[in-house]
Amino acid sequence: MSRITIDRPEPDKLTPDGSVAEVVDREGKLLGYFVPAGREENLQPQISDAAYESRITDGGGRSMRDAIDELRAKS
């Protein structure tokens, strides 16, 4: 894991409510996400148990090969 040191931390600006924050550059390009220490549970998928079970039992989707081929076609 990389470590980034912030010269003047402004924790209230990063996460005033303790939630995950987007980190962007000056042009607004998303660089990543900041998760406050002790709040790692915010990294869990935001999906209900019922929706999760439905996705497992319904199956479907596509093969990994199809997904890779589509990504290669886009690049």
Protein backbone atom coordinates (compact mmCIF):
# COMPACT_ATOMS: atom_id res chain seq x y z
CA MET A 1 0.00 0.00 0.00
CA SER A 2 1.26 3.48 -0.81
CA ARG A 3 1.38 6.18 1.82
CA ILE A 4 0.65 9.85 1.11
CA THR A 5 1.54 12.57 3.61
CA ILE A 6 -0.60 15.70 3.62
CA ASP A 7 1.24 18.82 4.79
CA ARG A 8 -1.79 20.55 6.24
CA PRO A 9 -4.47 18.00 6.95
CA GLU A 10 -7.98 19.33 6.94
CA PRO A 11 -9.99 16.36 8.18
CA ASP A 12 -13.19 18.38 8.37
CA LYS A 13 -12.82 19.28 4.70
CA LEU A 14 -12.05 15.70 3.66
CA THR A 15 -14.91 14.08 5.53
CA PRO A 16 -17.10 16.45 7.51
CA ASP A 17 -19.57 13.65 8.25
CA GLY A 18 -17.05 10.80 8.46
CA SER A 19 -18.06 9.30 5.13
CA VAL A 20 -15.92 8.32 2.14
CA ALA A 21 -14.68 11.31 0.13
CA GLU A 22 -13.66 11.56 -3.53
CA VAL A 23 -10.14 12.91 -4.10
CA VAL A 24 -9.83 14.88 -7.34
CA ASP A 25 -7.10 16.94 -9.03
CA ARG A 26 -7.46 20.62 -9.93
CA GLU A 27 -9.24 19.72 -13.17
CA GLY A 28 -11.76 17.57 -11.33
CA LYS A 29 -10.35 14.21 -12.48
CA LEU A 30 -11.05 11.49 -9.94
CA LEU A 31 -7.82 10.28 -8.35
CA GLY A 32 -9.36 7.96 -5.78
CA TYR A 33 -11.23 7.83 -2.53
CA PHE A 34 -10.37 8.75 1.05
CA VAL A 35 -11.77 6.54 3.79
CA PRO A 36 -11.32 7.84 7.35
CA ALA A 37 -9.45 5.50 9.70
CA GLY A 38 -11.90 3.33 11.58
CA ARG A 39 -14.56 3.66 8.86
CA GLU A 40 -13.49 0.80 6.62
CA GLU A 41 -17.01 -0.60 6.75
CA ASN A 42 -17.82 2.13 4.20
CA LEU A 43 -15.91 0.04 1.67
CA GLN A 44 -18.57 -2.66 1.71
CA PRO A 45 -20.89 -2.82 -1.31
CA GLN A 46 -24.04 -0.74 -0.87
CA ILE A 47 -26.49 -3.49 -1.82
CA SER A 48 -29.30 -5.09 0.15
CA ASP A 49 -29.14 -8.75 1.14
CA ALA A 50 -32.19 -9.44 -1.04
CA ALA A 51 -30.60 -7.86 -4.11
CA TYR A 52 -27.37 -9.75 -3.46
CA GLU A 53 -29.19 -13.08 -3.20
CA SER A 54 -31.19 -12.29 -6.35
CA ARG A 55 -28.02 -11.68 -8.35
CA ILE A 56 -26.56 -14.98 -7.21
CA THR A 57 -29.66 -17.08 -7.90
CA ASP A 58 -30.64 -15.40 -11.20
CA GLY A 59 -27.26 -16.03 -12.80
CA GLY A 60 -26.79 -14.45 -16.18
CA GLY A 61 -24.14 -11.93 -17.01
CA ARG A 62 -21.39 -12.68 -19.49
CA SER A 63 -18.15 -14.54 -19.68
CA MET A 64 -14.85 -13.00 -18.65
CA ARG A 65 -13.65 -13.40 -22.26
CA ASP A 66 -16.59 -11.32 -23.54
CA ALA A 67 -15.88 -8.60 -20.96
CA ILE A 68 -12.18 -8.46 -21.87
CA ASP A 69 -12.95 -8.38 -25.60
CA GLU A 70 -15.34 -5.46 -25.05
CA LEU A 71 -12.74 -3.53 -23.03
CA ARG A 72 -10.09 -4.11 -25.69
CA ALA A 73 -12.47 -2.91 -28.40
CA LYS A 74 -13.02 0.34 -26.46
CA SER A 75 -9.30 1.12 -26.09
